[in-house]
Amino acid sequence: MQGAIVMVQVGGSTDLSGLHKELHGVENVKEVYFLAGPTDVVCHVEAADTDALMHSVLKIRGMKGVANTDTRFILPVH
């Protein structure tokens, strides 16, 4: 399993309710949190491999209303 945290900044006139629904519809998105502060949304993404994870991250980046993203891959600790 490969995981990532995607921090999203949203454009000013974005329909937050619609974006919330869209983000939950992206394959491999496990959790979505709307925040107050410089980061508007945090998504937890988890997929079987890096290719599937990147596909989901790129879907988020391409959504209407998403102005900027900052993705952090989760590293396994053994």
N, C-alpha and C. Protein backbone atom coordinates (compact mmCIF):
# COMPACT_ATOMS: atom_id res chain seq x y z
N MET A 1 0.85 -1.19 0.00
CA MET A 1 0.00 0.00 0.00
C MET A 1 0.89 1.24 0.00
N GLN A 2 0.49 2.21 -0.79
CA GLN A 2 1.19 3.49 -0.87
C GLN A 2 0.20 4.57 -0.46
N GLY A 3 0.62 5.53 0.38
CA GLY A 3 -0.28 6.57 0.84
C GLY A 3 0.30 7.95 0.64
N ALA A 4 -0.58 8.94 0.64
CA ALA A 4 -0.16 10.34 0.52
C ALA A 4 -1.17 11.23 1.19
N ILE A 5 -0.68 12.39 1.60
CA ILE A 5 -1.52 13.46 2.10
C ILE A 5 -1.46 14.56 1.05
N VAL A 6 -2.62 14.98 0.57
CA VAL A 6 -2.69 16.04 -0.44
C VAL A 6 -3.32 17.27 0.22
N MET A 7 -2.54 18.34 0.31
CA MET A 7 -3.02 19.59 0.87
C MET A 7 -3.46 20.48 -0.29
N VAL A 8 -4.67 20.99 -0.23
CA VAL A 8 -5.29 21.69 -1.36
C VAL A 8 -5.61 23.13 -0.97
N GLN A 9 -5.29 24.06 -1.86
CA GLN A 9 -5.77 25.43 -1.76
C GLN A 9 -6.86 25.58 -2.81
N VAL A 10 -7.95 26.21 -2.40
CA VAL A 10 -9.15 26.32 -3.23
C VAL A 10 -9.27 27.74 -3.76
N GLY A 11 -9.75 27.88 -4.99
CA GLY A 11 -10.02 29.20 -5.57
C GLY A 11 -11.17 29.88 -4.87
N GLY A 12 -11.21 31.21 -4.92
CA GLY A 12 -12.16 32.03 -4.18
C GLY A 12 -13.63 31.77 -4.42
N SER A 13 -14.03 31.46 -5.64
CA SER A 13 -15.46 31.31 -5.93
C SER A 13 -15.88 29.85 -6.06
N THR A 14 -15.15 28.96 -5.42
CA THR A 14 -15.41 27.52 -5.54
C THR A 14 -16.61 27.10 -4.69
N ASP A 15 -17.45 26.25 -5.24
CA ASP A 15 -18.57 25.65 -4.53
C ASP A 15 -18.00 24.55 -3.62
N LEU A 16 -17.84 24.84 -2.33
CA LEU A 16 -17.20 23.91 -1.42
C LEU A 16 -17.99 22.61 -1.24
N SER A 17 -19.30 22.71 -1.24
CA SER A 17 -20.12 21.51 -1.11
C SER A 17 -19.92 20.58 -2.31
N GLY A 18 -19.89 21.16 -3.50
CA GLY A 18 -19.65 20.37 -4.71
C GLY A 18 -18.26 19.78 -4.73
N LEU A 19 -17.26 20.56 -4.31
CA LEU A 19 -15.89 20.06 -4.28
C LEU A 19 -15.77 18.92 -3.28
N HIS A 20 -16.41 19.06 -2.14
CA HIS A 20 -16.40 18.00 -1.12
C HIS A 20 -16.91 16.69 -1.71
N LYS A 21 -18.01 16.76 -2.41
CA LYS A 21 -18.60 15.57 -3.03
C LYS A 21 -17.67 14.99 -4.10
N GLU A 22 -17.09 15.86 -4.93
CA GLU A 22 -16.17 15.41 -5.97
C GLU A 22 -14.94 14.74 -5.40
N LEU A 23 -14.36 15.31 -4.36
CA LEU A 23 -13.16 14.73 -3.76
C LEU A 23 -13.43 13.35 -3.20
N HIS A 24 -14.59 13.17 -2.57
CA HIS A 24 -14.95 11.86 -2.04
C HIS A 24 -15.19 10.86 -3.16
N GLY A 25 -15.46 11.34 -4.38
CA GLY A 25 -15.70 10.46 -5.51
C GLY A 25 -14.43 10.02 -6.22
N VAL A 26 -13.29 10.59 -5.86
CA VAL A 26 -12.03 10.20 -6.50
C VAL A 26 -11.59 8.85 -5.94
N GLU A 27 -11.27 7.94 -6.86
CA GLU A 27 -10.82 6.62 -6.45
C GLU A 27 -9.59 6.73 -5.54
N ASN A 28 -9.56 5.97 -4.50
CA ASN A 28 -8.47 5.88 -3.52
C ASN A 28 -8.45 7.00 -2.48
N VAL A 29 -9.35 7.98 -2.56
CA VAL A 29 -9.42 9.01 -1.52
C VAL A 29 -10.17 8.39 -0.34
N LYS A 30 -9.48 8.35 0.80
CA LYS A 30 -10.04 7.71 2.00
C LYS A 30 -10.71 8.70 2.93
N GLU A 31 -10.12 9.91 3.07
CA GLU A 31 -10.66 10.92 3.98
C GLU A 31 -10.46 12.30 3.37
N VAL A 32 -11.41 13.20 3.66
CA VAL A 32 -11.34 14.60 3.21
C VAL A 32 -11.69 15.48 4.38
N TYR A 33 -10.81 16.46 4.66
CA TYR A 33 -11.04 17.40 5.75
C TYR A 33 -10.95 18.82 5.23
N PHE A 34 -11.95 19.64 5.51
CA PHE A 34 -11.90 21.07 5.19
C PHE A 34 -11.38 21.79 6.43
N LEU A 35 -10.46 22.73 6.22
CA LEU A 35 -9.76 23.39 7.32
C LEU A 35 -9.87 24.90 7.23
N ALA A 36 -9.56 25.58 8.32
CA ALA A 36 -9.39 27.03 8.33
C ALA A 36 -7.89 27.28 8.33
N GLY A 37 -7.42 28.20 7.49
CA GLY A 37 -6.00 28.51 7.40
C GLY A 37 -5.52 28.49 5.97
N PRO A 38 -4.20 28.50 5.77
CA PRO A 38 -3.66 28.57 4.41
C PRO A 38 -3.94 27.32 3.57
N THR A 39 -4.13 26.18 4.23
CA THR A 39 -4.54 24.97 3.54
C THR A 39 -6.04 24.82 3.74
N ASP A 40 -6.78 24.74 2.62
CA ASP A 40 -8.23 24.68 2.71
C ASP A 40 -8.76 23.27 2.90
N VAL A 41 -8.08 22.30 2.29
CA VAL A 41 -8.54 20.91 2.32
C VAL A 41 -7.34 19.99 2.46
N VAL A 42 -7.51 18.91 3.24
CA VAL A 42 -6.51 17.85 3.31
C VAL A 42 -7.20 16.55 2.92
N CYS A 43 -6.57 15.84 1.98
CA CYS A 43 -7.09 14.54 1.54
C CYS A 43 -6.08 13.45 1.89
N HIS A 44 -6.58 12.37 2.44
CA HIS A 44 -5.75 11.19 2.67
C HIS A 44 -6.05 10.23 1.51
N VAL A 45 -5.01 9.90 0.76
CA VAL A 45 -5.14 9.02 -0.40
C VAL A 45 -4.32 7.77 -0.15
N GLU A 46 -4.88 6.60 -0.45
CA GLU A 46 -4.18 5.35 -0.24
C GLU A 46 -4.51 4.42 -1.40
N ALA A 47 -3.46 3.87 -2.04
CA ALA A 47 -3.66 3.03 -3.21
C ALA A 47 -2.72 1.83 -3.16
N ALA A 48 -2.99 0.86 -4.03
CA ALA A 48 -2.20 -0.37 -4.06
C ALA A 48 -0.76 -0.13 -4.50
N ASP A 49 -0.55 0.84 -5.39
CA ASP A 49 0.80 1.11 -5.87
C ASP A 49 0.95 2.58 -6.23
N THR A 50 2.17 2.97 -6.58
CA THR A 50 2.48 4.37 -6.86
C THR A 50 1.72 4.89 -8.07
N ASP A 51 1.56 4.07 -9.11
CA ASP A 51 0.83 4.51 -10.30
C ASP A 51 -0.62 4.86 -9.98
N ALA A 52 -1.28 4.01 -9.22
CA ALA A 52 -2.68 4.27 -8.84
C ALA A 52 -2.76 5.50 -7.95
N LEU A 53 -1.79 5.66 -7.06
CA LEU A 53 -1.77 6.82 -6.18
C LEU A 53 -1.61 8.10 -6.99
N MET A 54 -0.67 8.10 -7.93
CA MET A 54 -0.45 9.29 -8.76
C MET A 54 -1.67 9.62 -9.61
N HIS A 55 -2.35 8.61 -10.10
CA HIS A 55 -3.57 8.83 -10.88
C HIS A 55 -4.59 9.60 -10.03
N SER A 56 -4.76 9.20 -8.79
CA SER A 56 -5.71 9.87 -7.90
C SER A 56 -5.27 11.29 -7.58
N VAL A 57 -3.98 11.48 -7.31
CA VAL A 57 -3.45 12.81 -7.00
C VAL A 57 -3.64 13.75 -8.19
N LEU A 58 -3.37 13.26 -9.39
CA LEU A 58 -3.54 14.08 -10.59
C LEU A 58 -5.01 14.43 -10.83
N LYS A 59 -5.91 13.52 -10.48
CA LYS A 59 -7.35 13.82 -10.57
C LYS A 59 -7.71 14.98 -9.66
N ILE A 60 -7.20 14.96 -8.43
CA ILE A 60 -7.46 16.04 -7.48
C ILE A 60 -6.91 17.35 -8.03
N ARG A 61 -5.67 17.32 -8.51
CA ARG A 61 -5.02 18.54 -9.03
C ARG A 61 -5.80 19.15 -10.20
N GLY A 62 -6.47 18.33 -10.99
CA GLY A 62 -7.17 18.81 -12.16
C GLY A 62 -8.61 19.24 -11.93
N MET A 63 -9.08 19.14 -10.70
CA MET A 63 -10.48 19.48 -10.41
C MET A 63 -10.73 20.98 -10.51
N LYS A 64 -11.92 21.30 -10.99
CA LYS A 64 -12.35 22.70 -11.02
C LYS A 64 -12.41 23.23 -9.60
N GLY A 65 -11.80 24.38 -9.38
CA GLY A 65 -11.79 25.00 -8.06
C GLY A 65 -10.52 24.76 -7.28
N VAL A 66 -9.70 23.79 -7.71
CA VAL A 66 -8.44 23.52 -7.03
C VAL A 66 -7.39 24.46 -7.61
N ALA A 67 -6.89 25.36 -6.77
CA ALA A 67 -5.91 26.35 -7.22
C ALA A 67 -4.48 25.84 -7.10
N ASN A 68 -4.21 25.03 -6.06
CA ASN A 68 -2.84 24.60 -5.80
C ASN A 68 -2.89 23.36 -4.91
N THR A 69 -1.91 22.48 -5.08
CA THR A 69 -1.80 21.32 -4.19
C THR A 69 -0.36 21.17 -3.71
N ASP A 70 -0.22 20.51 -2.58
CA ASP A 70 1.08 20.16 -2.01
C ASP A 70 0.93 18.73 -1.52
N THR A 71 1.61 17.79 -2.18
CA THR A 71 1.45 16.38 -1.88
C THR A 71 2.65 15.84 -1.11
N ARG A 72 2.37 15.12 -0.05
CA ARG A 72 3.40 14.49 0.77
C ARG A 72 3.14 12.98 0.80
N PHE A 73 4.11 12.22 0.31
CA PHE A 73 3.99 10.77 0.32
C PHE A 73 4.28 10.24 1.72
N ILE A 74 3.50 9.28 2.16
CA ILE A 74 3.65 8.69 3.48
C ILE A 74 4.70 7.58 3.37
N LEU A 75 5.72 7.66 4.21
CA LEU A 75 6.81 6.71 4.19
C LEU A 75 6.59 5.62 5.21
N PRO A 76 6.83 4.36 4.83
CA PRO A 76 6.66 3.27 5.79
C PRO A 76 7.81 3.27 6.81
N VAL A 77 7.50 2.94 8.03
CA VAL A 77 8.51 2.79 9.07
C VAL A 77 8.48 1.35 9.54
N HIS A 78 9.61 0.70 9.45
CA HIS A 78 9.67 -0.73 9.83
C HIS A 78 10.55 -0.90 11.03
